[in-house]
Amino acid sequence: MLRDAVEAEQPRIPAARSAEAPVSGSHRETLVQITAELPPVKAASRGHRKTRERRRDKLLTLSYSIAAVVTVIASTVSVFGGLIAYDPLLFIAASGTHSSVASWWPLLIFGPWLVASLSVLRHALHQRRSFHSWCVVLVFSAIAMALCVAQAPNSLMDKAAAALPSFASLACFQQLVRQVTLTRPPRSPLRRHRS
């Protein structure tokens, strides 16, 4: 009974195509004959996908170029803003203390600002939130603005001009972070098509 059950379960091999084409020679010749019976293969069309890929590459290159220009401009504005705000902050330090360390006093404001800015950029590259680092950037930007405005003459235009370098540095930095997050968008789950 077991032998009969095993024989019944084994797949049956279909008979060779001896009636259709006589087998002469080797197995290779048989394959050549079968292949000759098949219809010719259509040439691959140069569909619209290659155009999209080229366009996407050009847009990606343009996007990275814009991000690089934004980085250069934001860095330049931040450096010039720091240089402009340096004198009022130095004047505050020099009036309070008469040591040679007073020339380094503005670093107490721009140092934490720079460290927090780099931390925000690092978080943006890793697609993470950076709430605490943004708080440090905002607090030290506000301190720099307030101290520069306090040293400015009493006219409205002078006070606005004193606040402008720190505000411009902050605005450029925020836009730089936005560019970084655009060049590295968050990964979305792959869409599955219904079959």
Protein backbone atom coordinates (compact mmCIF):
# COMPACT_ATOMS: atom_id res chain seq x y z
CA MET A 1 0.00 0.00 0.00
CA LEU A 2 2.85 2.40 0.79
CA ARG A 3 4.50 1.73 -2.55
CA ASP A 4 1.26 2.45 -4.39
CA ALA A 5 0.73 5.68 -2.39
CA VAL A 6 4.28 6.89 -3.12
CA GLU A 7 3.88 6.15 -6.83
CA ALA A 8 0.57 8.05 -6.87
CA GLU A 9 2.13 11.11 -5.22
CA GLN A 10 5.11 11.37 -7.59
CA PRO A 11 4.60 13.93 -10.36
CA ARG A 12 4.13 12.49 -13.78
CA ILE A 13 6.65 13.68 -16.38
CA PRO A 14 4.96 14.71 -19.64
CA ALA A 15 6.03 12.92 -22.78
CA ALA A 16 8.66 14.50 -25.01
CA ARG A 17 7.62 16.51 -28.09
CA SER A 18 8.63 13.79 -30.45
CA ALA A 19 5.51 14.17 -32.59
CA GLU A 20 6.02 17.89 -33.20
CA ALA A 21 9.73 17.99 -34.01
CA PRO A 22 12.01 15.05 -34.49
CA VAL A 23 14.91 15.04 -32.09
CA SER A 24 18.07 14.82 -34.07
CA GLY A 25 21.42 15.48 -32.55
CA SER A 26 21.96 16.98 -29.13
CA HIS A 27 19.83 18.69 -26.56
CA ARG A 28 21.22 22.02 -27.74
CA GLU A 29 19.76 21.62 -31.22
CA THR A 30 16.36 20.95 -29.70
CA LEU A 31 16.58 24.20 -27.73
CA VAL A 32 17.57 26.08 -30.89
CA GLN A 33 14.50 24.71 -32.68
CA ILE A 34 12.19 25.65 -29.82
CA THR A 35 13.67 29.14 -29.63
CA ALA A 36 13.23 29.61 -33.38
CA GLU A 37 9.50 28.94 -32.98
CA LEU A 38 9.12 31.79 -30.46
CA PRO A 39 7.99 35.23 -31.67
CA PRO A 40 10.72 37.92 -31.91
CA VAL A 41 11.39 39.99 -28.82
CA LYS A 42 10.32 43.63 -29.00
CA ALA A 43 13.03 46.23 -28.53
CA ALA A 44 12.85 48.10 -25.24
CA SER A 45 11.16 51.44 -25.73
CA ARG A 46 12.86 54.63 -24.62
CA GLY A 47 9.83 55.52 -22.54
CA HIS A 48 9.36 58.55 -20.36
CA ARG A 49 11.20 57.13 -17.35
CA LYS A 50 14.67 58.13 -18.53
CA THR A 51 13.48 61.68 -19.09
CA ARG A 52 12.11 61.81 -15.57
CA GLU A 53 15.35 60.45 -14.10
CA ARG A 54 17.40 63.06 -15.97
CA ARG A 55 15.03 65.80 -14.89
CA ARG A 56 15.14 64.59 -11.30
CA ASP A 57 18.95 64.57 -11.38
CA LYS A 58 19.00 68.13 -12.72
CA LEU A 59 16.52 69.29 -10.06
CA LEU A 60 18.52 67.57 -7.33
CA THR A 61 21.72 69.22 -8.54
CA LEU A 62 19.97 72.60 -8.63
CA SER A 63 18.59 72.02 -5.13
CA TYR A 64 22.02 71.22 -3.70
CA SER A 65 23.49 74.25 -5.47
CA ILE A 66 20.86 76.52 -3.92
CA ALA A 67 21.52 74.97 -0.50
CA ALA A 68 25.26 75.65 -0.92
CA VAL A 69 24.60 79.29 -1.87
CA VAL A 70 22.28 79.68 1.13
CA THR A 71 25.00 78.23 3.37
CA VAL A 72 27.59 80.70 2.10
CA ILE A 73 25.24 83.67 2.45
CA ALA A 74 24.05 82.65 5.93
CA SER A 75 27.64 82.16 7.10
CA THR A 76 28.69 85.52 5.68
CA VAL A 77 25.76 87.36 7.28
CA SER A 78 26.43 85.65 10.62
CA VAL A 79 30.13 86.58 10.57
CA PHE A 80 29.45 90.19 9.59
CA GLY A 81 26.63 90.41 12.17
CA GLY A 82 29.02 89.19 14.83
CA LEU A 83 31.68 91.68 13.78
CA ILE A 84 29.19 94.56 13.89
CA ALA A 85 27.75 93.50 17.25
CA TYR A 86 31.24 92.94 18.68
CA ASP A 87 32.00 96.63 19.29
CA PRO A 88 28.90 97.44 21.38
CA LEU A 89 29.39 94.27 23.43
CA LEU A 90 33.08 95.09 23.90
CA PHE A 91 32.14 98.59 25.06
CA ILE A 92 29.82 97.11 27.70
CA ALA A 93 32.57 94.79 28.93
CA ALA A 94 35.24 97.50 28.90
CA SER A 95 33.07 99.89 30.91
CA GLY A 96 32.46 97.27 33.59
CA THR A 97 35.96 95.87 33.90
CA HIS A 98 39.41 97.22 33.02
CA SER A 99 41.27 93.95 32.42
CA SER A 100 42.70 92.64 29.17
CA VAL A 101 40.13 89.83 29.21
CA ALA A 102 37.39 92.30 28.25
CA SER A 103 38.21 91.83 24.57
CA TRP A 104 37.14 88.18 24.87
CA TRP A 105 33.88 89.01 26.63
CA PRO A 106 31.66 88.90 23.48
CA LEU A 107 32.55 85.21 23.15
CA LEU A 108 30.36 84.63 26.21
CA ILE A 109 27.43 85.49 23.95
CA PHE A 110 28.58 84.24 20.55
CA GLY A 111 30.17 81.04 21.89
CA PRO A 112 26.96 79.44 23.19
CA TRP A 113 25.13 80.78 20.11
CA LEU A 114 27.63 79.06 17.80
CA VAL A 115 27.63 75.78 19.75
CA ALA A 116 23.84 75.66 19.83
CA SER A 117 23.70 76.52 16.12
CA LEU A 118 26.00 73.63 15.27
CA SER A 119 23.88 71.37 17.44
CA VAL A 120 20.73 72.44 15.59
CA LEU A 121 22.42 71.71 12.25
CA ARG A 122 23.54 68.30 13.47
CA HIS A 123 20.03 67.48 14.64
CA ALA A 124 18.64 68.62 11.28
CA LEU A 125 21.06 66.33 9.43
CA HIS A 126 19.93 63.38 11.56
CA GLN A 127 16.25 64.38 11.17
CA ARG A 128 15.75 64.93 14.90
CA ARG A 129 14.11 67.71 16.86
CA SER A 130 16.36 70.21 18.62
CA PHE A 131 14.11 72.17 20.95
CA HIS A 132 16.73 72.88 23.63
CA SER A 133 19.36 73.97 21.13
CA TRP A 134 16.88 76.32 19.47
CA CYS A 135 16.09 77.79 22.91
CA VAL A 136 19.80 78.50 23.47
CA VAL A 137 20.11 80.12 20.02
CA LEU A 138 17.06 82.31 20.66
CA VAL A 139 18.12 83.32 24.19
CA PHE A 140 21.65 84.33 23.20
CA SER A 141 20.39 86.12 20.07
CA ALA A 142 17.98 88.07 22.28
CA ILE A 143 20.78 88.90 24.75
CA ALA A 144 23.02 90.14 21.92
CA MET A 145 20.16 92.22 20.50
CA ALA A 146 19.24 93.70 23.88
CA LEU A 147 22.82 94.65 24.75
CA CYS A 148 23.42 96.21 21.33
CA VAL A 149 20.14 98.16 21.55
CA ALA A 150 21.08 99.33 25.07
CA GLN A 151 24.34 100.83 23.72
CA ALA A 152 22.68 102.54 20.75
CA PRO A 153 21.67 106.21 20.83
CA ASN A 154 18.07 106.98 21.75
CA SER A 155 16.70 107.43 18.22
CA LEU A 156 14.46 104.71 16.81
CA MET A 157 16.59 104.25 13.69
CA ASP A 158 19.77 103.77 15.73
CA LYS A 159 18.11 101.18 17.96
CA ALA A 160 16.73 99.31 14.92
CA ALA A 161 20.17 99.38 13.29
CA ALA A 162 21.72 98.03 16.50
CA ALA A 163 19.25 95.11 16.63
CA LEU A 164 19.52 94.28 12.94
CA PRO A 165 22.84 92.32 12.88
CA SER A 166 21.75 89.78 15.51
CA PHE A 167 18.29 89.48 14.01
CA ALA A 168 19.69 89.01 10.49
CA SER A 169 22.07 86.31 11.74
CA LEU A 170 19.21 84.50 13.42
CA ALA A 171 16.96 84.73 10.35
CA CYS A 172 19.69 83.49 8.01
CA PHE A 173 20.50 80.62 10.34
CA GLN A 174 16.85 79.58 10.50
CA GLN A 175 16.68 79.56 6.69
CA LEU A 176 19.87 77.52 6.53
CA VAL A 177 18.34 74.91 8.82
CA ARG A 178 15.28 74.83 6.57
CA GLN A 179 17.53 74.16 3.57
CA VAL A 180 19.21 71.28 5.39
CA THR A 181 15.85 69.73 6.24
CA LEU A 182 14.75 70.09 2.62
CA THR A 183 17.84 68.34 1.27
CA ARG A 184 17.24 65.48 3.68
CA PRO A 185 13.46 65.04 3.80
CA PRO A 186 12.04 62.60 6.35
CA ARG A 187 11.74 59.06 5.09
CA SER A 188 8.19 58.09 4.33
CA PRO A 189 7.06 54.48 4.33
CA LEU A 190 6.95 52.86 0.90
CA ARG A 191 3.54 52.76 -0.70
CA ARG A 192 2.27 49.33 -1.50
CA HIS A 193 0.21 48.82 -4.58
CA ARG A 194 -2.81 46.60 -4.46
CA SER A 195 -2.38 43.42 -6.43
